[in-house]
Amino acid sequence: MDLLTTILTCSLYASDDAVVRAIAEGPSGKNPYLVLDPVADVAETGAPPLPKSEAEATARAKGLMTQGGRPLLGLLELLPAWLDLFGRPLSSAFDPCTNIAIGSAMLSEFDHECAVGARSRGQAPLLARVNRRACVLRRYESAIGSDDFEEVVQLELSVQRAATPSIENAPIFAPVTGPHWGSDQLLVLMPLAAAPAAAGPTLMP
């Protein structure tokens, strides 16, 4: 499944899909198994090996949390606390659709806060739109505690090129490898069964 199709299918921040894509392609490097501790990973002399599966990523995240770390997880660099907020297990951070759904929900929340702030300051609509993206990214950066996050995402946005999604790769069409797709379990693999024949009247001989 390609990244853009996943974003268009799973994102809850429809007003700015470009930002969602820039986060996933920039800071995260399109790595769904990203596990980054901004403090520990900078302090270590050698970078730890990158997880290559959900199980490896979950184990590394749990290890960092046991040591008091605050890891950032998956494509949109989620905080473990955000998974708790949406009632999702730690391993779900490494499902691209769930990760994008939760991360984009937080972006949408920050966007609302920025919009309210712009209205309270009486900004002109055009200026409010220009400043709103930067405001959202600053709030996201502050929440996850990752230095230079906004700068990296803005740089990614400046070089972002148009891409075409492939609808055949959307989660609703893709082979399901687990019990559900996404954060809301609406896309569930349902077995097809023939409808039972309607019972008709019994004919007397």
C-alpha atoms as a PDB file:
ATOM      1  CA  MET A   1       0.000   0.000   0.000  1.00  0.00           C
ATOM      2  CA  ASP A   2       1.450   3.388  -0.939  1.00  0.00           C
ATOM      3  CA  LEU A   3       1.697   6.209   1.572  1.00  0.00           C
ATOM      4  CA  LEU A   4      -0.519   8.722  -0.211  1.00  0.00           C
ATOM      5  CA  THR A   5      -3.383   6.237  -0.558  1.00  0.00           C
ATOM      6  CA  THR A   6      -3.114   5.428   3.151  1.00  0.00           C
ATOM      7  CA  ILE A   7      -3.239   9.123   4.032  1.00  0.00           C
ATOM      8  CA  LEU A   8      -6.259   9.785   1.822  1.00  0.00           C
ATOM      9  CA  THR A   9      -8.028   6.738   3.275  1.00  0.00           C
ATOM     10  CA  CYS A  10      -7.153   7.100   6.957  1.00  0.00           C
ATOM     11  CA  SER A  11      -6.406  10.760   7.704  1.00  0.00           C
ATOM     12  CA  LEU A  12      -8.815  12.707   9.909  1.00  0.00           C
ATOM     13  CA  TYR A  13      -7.148  16.004   8.974  1.00  0.00           C
ATOM     14  CA  ALA A  14      -8.635  16.467   5.523  1.00  0.00           C
ATOM     15  CA  SER A  15      -7.999  20.226   5.458  1.00  0.00           C
ATOM     16  CA  ASP A  16      -4.241  19.733   4.980  1.00  0.00           C
ATOM     17  CA  ASP A  17      -3.224  16.311   3.651  1.00  0.00           C
ATOM     18  CA  ALA A  18       0.084  17.863   2.537  1.00  0.00           C
ATOM     19  CA  VAL A  19       1.152  18.319   6.167  1.00  0.00           C
ATOM     20  CA  VAL A  20       0.333  14.703   7.027  1.00  0.00           C
ATOM     21  CA  ARG A  21       2.351  13.525   4.036  1.00  0.00           C
ATOM     22  CA  ALA A  22       5.268  15.859   4.867  1.00  0.00           C
ATOM     23  CA  ILE A  23       5.515  14.495   8.421  1.00  0.00           C
ATOM     24  CA  ALA A  24       5.444  10.905   7.208  1.00  0.00           C
ATOM     25  CA  GLU A  25       8.010  11.543   4.467  1.00  0.00           C
ATOM     26  CA  GLY A  26      10.241  14.031   6.291  1.00  0.00           C
ATOM     27  CA  PRO A  27      10.953  13.413   9.988  1.00  0.00           C
ATOM     28  CA  SER A  28       9.776   9.792   9.834  1.00  0.00           C
ATOM     29  CA  GLY A  29      11.363   8.935   6.493  1.00  0.00           C
ATOM     30  CA  LYS A  30       8.336   6.813   5.490  1.00  0.00           C
ATOM     31  CA  ASN A  31       9.312   4.318   8.195  1.00  0.00           C
ATOM     32  CA  PRO A  32       6.188   2.754   9.767  1.00  0.00           C
ATOM     33  CA  TYR A  33       8.386   1.036  12.392  1.00  0.00           C
ATOM     34  CA  LEU A  34      10.095   4.214  13.575  1.00  0.00           C
ATOM     35  CA  VAL A  35      10.899   4.236  17.296  1.00  0.00           C
ATOM     36  CA  LEU A  36      12.743   7.389  18.266  1.00  0.00           C
ATOM     37  CA  ASP A  37      13.621   8.728  21.679  1.00  0.00           C
ATOM     38  CA  PRO A  38      14.740  12.338  21.056  1.00  0.00           C
ATOM     39  CA  VAL A  39      16.824  12.367  24.257  1.00  0.00           C
ATOM     40  CA  ALA A  40      18.270   8.841  24.425  1.00  0.00           C
ATOM     41  CA  ASP A  41      18.999   8.466  20.706  1.00  0.00           C
ATOM     42  CA  VAL A  42      20.900  11.768  20.592  1.00  0.00           C
ATOM     43  CA  ALA A  43      22.909  10.875  23.701  1.00  0.00           C
ATOM     44  CA  GLU A  44      23.923   7.434  22.422  1.00  0.00           C
ATOM     45  CA  THR A  45      27.220   7.256  20.506  1.00  0.00           C
ATOM     46  CA  GLY A  46      25.922   4.628  18.075  1.00  0.00           C
ATOM     47  CA  ALA A  47      22.421   4.709  16.645  1.00  0.00           C
ATOM     48  CA  PRO A  48      20.386   1.603  17.540  1.00  0.00           C
ATOM     49  CA  PRO A  49      19.411  -0.700  14.673  1.00  0.00           C
ATOM     50  CA  LEU A  50      16.123   0.194  13.039  1.00  0.00           C
ATOM     51  CA  PRO A  51      13.224  -2.169  13.833  1.00  0.00           C
ATOM     52  CA  LYS A  52      12.091  -4.134  10.792  1.00  0.00           C
ATOM     53  CA  SER A  53       8.755  -5.427  12.056  1.00  0.00           C
ATOM     54  CA  GLU A  54       5.872  -4.515  14.325  1.00  0.00           C
ATOM     55  CA  ALA A  55       7.127  -6.941  16.965  1.00  0.00           C
ATOM     56  CA  GLU A  56      10.649  -5.451  16.964  1.00  0.00           C
ATOM     57  CA  ALA A  57       9.302  -1.897  17.054  1.00  0.00           C
ATOM     58  CA  THR A  58       6.907  -2.690  19.915  1.00  0.00           C
ATOM     59  CA  ALA A  59       9.677  -4.361  21.927  1.00  0.00           C
ATOM     60  CA  ARG A  60      12.010  -1.392  21.460  1.00  0.00           C
ATOM     61  CA  ALA A  61       9.268   1.078  22.425  1.00  0.00           C
ATOM     62  CA  LYS A  62       8.455  -0.893  25.576  1.00  0.00           C
ATOM     63  CA  GLY A  63      12.153  -1.038  26.455  1.00  0.00           C
ATOM     64  CA  LEU A  64      12.526   2.733  26.130  1.00  0.00           C
ATOM     65  CA  MET A  65       9.386   3.350  28.178  1.00  0.00           C
ATOM     66  CA  THR A  66      10.630   1.003  30.923  1.00  0.00           C
ATOM     67  CA  GLN A  67      13.777   3.131  31.127  1.00  0.00           C
ATOM     68  CA  GLY A  68      11.686   6.295  31.489  1.00  0.00           C
ATOM     69  CA  GLY A  69      11.947   7.271  27.825  1.00  0.00           C
ATOM     70  CA  ARG A  70       9.291   9.068  25.817  1.00  0.00           C
ATOM     71  CA  PRO A  71       9.560   7.464  22.380  1.00  0.00           C
ATOM     72  CA  LEU A  72       7.986   8.761  19.196  1.00  0.00           C
ATOM     73  CA  LEU A  73       6.320   6.026  17.201  1.00  0.00           C
ATOM     74  CA  GLY A  74       5.620   5.312  13.545  1.00  0.00           C
ATOM     75  CA  LEU A  75       4.908   7.495  10.544  1.00  0.00           C
ATOM     76  CA  LEU A  76       3.535  10.519  12.408  1.00  0.00           C
ATOM     77  CA  GLU A  77       5.788  10.132  15.471  1.00  0.00           C
ATOM     78  CA  LEU A  78       2.980   9.423  17.928  1.00  0.00           C
ATOM     79  CA  LEU A  79       3.360   9.654  21.678  1.00  0.00           C
ATOM     80  CA  PRO A  80       2.358   6.512  23.614  1.00  0.00           C
ATOM     81  CA  ALA A  81      -0.038   8.712  25.607  1.00  0.00           C
ATOM     82  CA  TRP A  82      -1.973   9.464  22.408  1.00  0.00           C
ATOM     83  CA  LEU A  83      -2.527   5.749  21.859  1.00  0.00           C
ATOM     84  CA  ASP A  84      -3.903   5.515  25.404  1.00  0.00           C
ATOM     85  CA  LEU A  85      -6.151   8.499  24.705  1.00  0.00           C
ATOM     86  CA  PHE A  86      -7.734   6.644  21.771  1.00  0.00           C
ATOM     87  CA  GLY A  87      -7.804   3.290  23.582  1.00  0.00           C
ATOM     88  CA  ARG A  88      -5.290   1.628  21.279  1.00  0.00           C
ATOM     89  CA  PRO A  89      -2.477  -0.787  22.237  1.00  0.00           C
ATOM     90  CA  LEU A  90       1.156   0.228  21.779  1.00  0.00           C
ATOM     91  CA  SER A  91       1.610  -2.113  18.810  1.00  0.00           C
ATOM     92  CA  SER A  92      -1.096  -0.265  16.840  1.00  0.00           C
ATOM     93  CA  ALA A  93       1.294   2.692  16.440  1.00  0.00           C
ATOM     94  CA  PHE A  94       3.046   0.637  13.765  1.00  0.00           C
ATOM     95  CA  ASP A  95      -0.074   0.030  11.689  1.00  0.00           C
ATOM     96  CA  PRO A  96       0.128   2.836   9.093  1.00  0.00           C
ATOM     97  CA  CYS A  97      -3.621   3.475   8.966  1.00  0.00           C
ATOM     98  CA  THR A  98      -4.057   3.599  12.738  1.00  0.00           C
ATOM     99  CA  ASN A  99      -0.947   5.748  13.136  1.00  0.00           C
ATOM    100  CA  ILE A 100      -2.160   8.255  10.550  1.00  0.00           C
ATOM    101  CA  ALA A 101      -5.685   8.288  11.994  1.00  0.00           C
ATOM    102  CA  ILE A 102      -4.446   9.143  15.503  1.00  0.00           C
ATOM    103  CA  GLY A 103      -1.738  11.568  14.411  1.00  0.00           C
ATOM    104  CA  SER A 104      -4.077  13.405  12.060  1.00  0.00           C
ATOM    105  CA  ALA A 105      -6.735  13.583  14.784  1.00  0.00           C
ATOM    106  CA  MET A 106      -4.194  15.404  16.953  1.00  0.00           C
ATOM    107  CA  LEU A 107      -3.298  17.695  14.039  1.00  0.00           C
ATOM    108  CA  SER A 108      -6.999  18.470  13.648  1.00  0.00           C
ATOM    109  CA  GLU A 109      -7.253  19.320  17.363  1.00  0.00           C
ATOM    110  CA  PHE A 110      -4.255  21.648  17.144  1.00  0.00           C
ATOM    111  CA  ASP A 111      -5.723  23.191  13.967  1.00  0.00           C
ATOM    112  CA  HIS A 112      -8.921  24.015  15.842  1.00  0.00           C
ATOM    113  CA  GLU A 113      -6.928  25.650  18.642  1.00  0.00           C
ATOM    114  CA  CYS A 114      -4.937  27.691  16.122  1.00  0.00           C
ATOM    115  CA  ALA A 115      -8.107  28.784  14.306  1.00  0.00           C
ATOM    116  CA  VAL A 116      -9.720  29.942  17.543  1.00  0.00           C
ATOM    117  CA  GLY A 117      -6.557  31.849  18.434  1.00  0.00           C
ATOM    118  CA  ALA A 118      -6.453  33.535  15.007  1.00  0.00           C
ATOM    119  CA  ARG A 119     -10.085  34.639  15.343  1.00  0.00           C
ATOM    120  CA  SER A 120      -9.517  36.010  18.840  1.00  0.00           C
ATOM    121  CA  ARG A 121      -6.605  38.106  17.521  1.00  0.00           C
ATOM    122  CA  GLY A 122      -8.764  39.369  14.669  1.00  0.00           C
ATOM    123  CA  GLN A 123      -6.360  38.245  11.941  1.00  0.00           C
ATOM    124  CA  ALA A 124      -7.405  38.736   8.337  1.00  0.00           C
ATOM    125  CA  PRO A 125      -8.559  35.448   6.738  1.00  0.00           C
ATOM    126  CA  LEU A 126      -5.614  35.255   4.323  1.00  0.00           C
ATOM    127  CA  LEU A 127      -3.055  35.897   7.070  1.00  0.00           C
ATOM    128  CA  ALA A 128      -4.834  33.419   9.326  1.00  0.00           C
ATOM    129  CA  ARG A 129      -4.525  30.683   6.655  1.00  0.00           C
ATOM    130  CA  VAL A 130      -0.845  31.424   6.098  1.00  0.00           C
ATOM    131  CA  ASN A 131      -0.022  31.347   9.798  1.00  0.00           C
ATOM    132  CA  ARG A 132      -2.287  28.426  10.656  1.00  0.00           C
ATOM    133  CA  ARG A 133      -0.054  25.689   9.225  1.00  0.00           C
ATOM    134  CA  ALA A 134       2.967  27.019  11.122  1.00  0.00           C
ATOM    135  CA  CYS A 135       0.888  27.249  14.305  1.00  0.00           C
ATOM    136  CA  VAL A 136      -0.297  23.632  13.951  1.00  0.00           C
ATOM    137  CA  LEU A 137       3.251  22.365  13.376  1.00  0.00           C
ATOM    138  CA  ARG A 138       4.613  24.322  16.355  1.00  0.00           C
ATOM    139  CA  ARG A 139       1.950  22.841  18.617  1.00  0.00           C
ATOM    140  CA  TYR A 140       2.691  19.336  17.331  1.00  0.00           C
ATOM    141  CA  GLU A 141       6.428  19.909  17.838  1.00  0.00           C
ATOM    142  CA  SER A 142       5.837  21.127  21.390  1.00  0.00           C
ATOM    143  CA  ALA A 143       3.590  18.152  22.188  1.00  0.00           C
ATOM    144  CA  ILE A 144       6.064  15.500  21.016  1.00  0.00           C
ATOM    145  CA  GLY A 145       9.155  17.359  22.254  1.00  0.00           C
ATOM    146  CA  SER A 146      11.138  16.961  19.028  1.00  0.00           C
ATOM    147  CA  ASP A 147      13.488  19.867  18.270  1.00  0.00           C
ATOM    148  CA  ASP A 148      13.456  21.224  14.712  1.00  0.00           C
ATOM    149  CA  PHE A 149      10.305  19.237  13.875  1.00  0.00           C
ATOM    150  CA  GLU A 150       8.503  22.225  12.369  1.00  0.00           C
ATOM    151  CA  GLU A 151      11.590  23.249  10.392  1.00  0.00           C
ATOM    152  CA  VAL A 152      12.030  19.759   8.894  1.00  0.00           C
ATOM    153  CA  VAL A 153       8.339  19.487   7.963  1.00  0.00           C
ATOM    154  CA  GLN A 154       8.296  22.961   6.413  1.00  0.00           C
ATOM    155  CA  LEU A 155      11.375  22.033   4.361  1.00  0.00           C
ATOM    156  CA  GLU A 156       9.646  18.833   3.210  1.00  0.00           C
ATOM    157  CA  LEU A 157       6.576  20.853   2.246  1.00  0.00           C
ATOM    158  CA  SER A 158       8.725  23.239   0.190  1.00  0.00           C
ATOM    159  CA  VAL A 159      10.014  20.387  -1.995  1.00  0.00           C
ATOM    160  CA  GLN A 160       6.869  18.255  -1.992  1.00  0.00           C
ATOM    161  CA  ARG A 161       5.722  17.177  -5.431  1.00  0.00           C
ATOM    162  CA  ALA A 162       2.270  16.083  -6.508  1.00  0.00           C
ATOM    163  CA  ALA A 163       1.662  12.344  -6.315  1.00  0.00           C
ATOM    164  CA  THR A 164      -1.143  10.141  -7.555  1.00  0.00           C
ATOM    165  CA  PRO A 165      -2.739   7.617  -5.182  1.00  0.00           C
ATOM    166  CA  SER A 166      -3.671   4.129  -6.261  1.00  0.00           C
ATOM    167  CA  ILE A 167      -7.178   3.303  -5.092  1.00  0.00           C
ATOM    168  CA  GLU A 168      -6.506  -0.417  -5.468  1.00  0.00           C
ATOM    169  CA  ASN A 169      -3.970  -0.068  -2.646  1.00  0.00           C
ATOM    170  CA  ALA A 170      -6.409   1.475  -0.191  1.00  0.00           C
ATOM    171  CA  PRO A 171      -6.849  -0.485   3.068  1.00  0.00           C
ATOM    172  CA  ILE A 172     -10.454  -1.273   2.223  1.00  0.00           C
ATOM    173  CA  PHE A 173      -9.230  -3.242  -0.811  1.00  0.00           C
ATOM    174  CA  ALA A 174      -5.886  -4.483   0.505  1.00  0.00           C
ATOM    175  CA  PRO A 175      -5.494  -7.996   1.956  1.00  0.00           C
ATOM    176  CA  VAL A 176      -6.233  -7.884   5.665  1.00  0.00           C
ATOM    177  CA  THR A 177      -3.410  -9.346   7.744  1.00  0.00           C
ATOM    178  CA  GLY A 178      -4.859  -8.716  11.182  1.00  0.00           C
ATOM    179  CA  PRO A 179      -8.230  -8.669  12.914  1.00  0.00           C
ATOM    180  CA  HIS A 180      -9.029  -5.124  11.677  1.00  0.00           C
ATOM    181  CA  TRP A 181      -7.810  -2.145   9.704  1.00  0.00           C
ATOM    182  CA  GLY A 182      -7.512   1.293  11.197  1.00  0.00           C
ATOM    183  CA  SER A 183      -8.348   2.861  14.520  1.00  0.00           C
ATOM    184  CA  ASP A 184     -12.115   2.569  14.469  1.00  0.00           C
ATOM    185  CA  GLN A 185     -12.438  -1.068  13.364  1.00  0.00           C
ATOM    186  CA  LEU A 186     -14.934  -0.074  10.681  1.00  0.00           C
ATOM    187  CA  LEU A 187     -12.950  -1.829   7.989  1.00  0.00           C
ATOM    188  CA  VAL A 188     -13.381  -5.378   9.191  1.00  0.00           C
ATOM    189  CA  LEU A 189     -12.791  -8.497   7.140  1.00  0.00           C
ATOM    190  CA  MET A 190     -16.282  -9.954   6.894  1.00  0.00           C
ATOM    191  CA  PRO A 191     -16.854 -13.467   5.527  1.00  0.00           C
ATOM    192  CA  LEU A 192     -19.338 -13.574   2.695  1.00  0.00           C
ATOM    193  CA  ALA A 193     -22.191 -15.971   3.234  1.00  0.00           C
ATOM    194  CA  ALA A 194     -25.201 -16.743   1.152  1.00  0.00           C
ATOM    195  CA  ALA A 195     -28.411 -15.377   2.600  1.00  0.00           C
ATOM    196  CA  PRO A 196     -30.632 -18.086   4.035  1.00  0.00           C
ATOM    197  CA  ALA A 197     -33.540 -19.001   1.818  1.00  0.00           C
ATOM    198  CA  ALA A 198     -36.753 -17.376   2.913  1.00  0.00           C
ATOM    199  CA  ALA A 199     -39.194 -19.792   4.462  1.00  0.00           C
ATOM    200  CA  GLY A 200     -42.220 -20.100   2.184  1.00  0.00           C
ATOM    201  CA  PRO A 201     -45.668 -21.436   2.965  1.00  0.00           C
ATOM    202  CA  THR A 202     -45.943 -25.160   3.382  1.00  0.00           C
ATOM    203  CA  LEU A 203     -48.009 -26.720   0.622  1.00  0.00           C
ATOM    204  CA  MET A 204     -50.472 -29.337   1.716  1.00  0.00           C
ATOM    205  CA  PRO A 205     -50.544 -32.522  -0.440  1.00  0.00           C
END
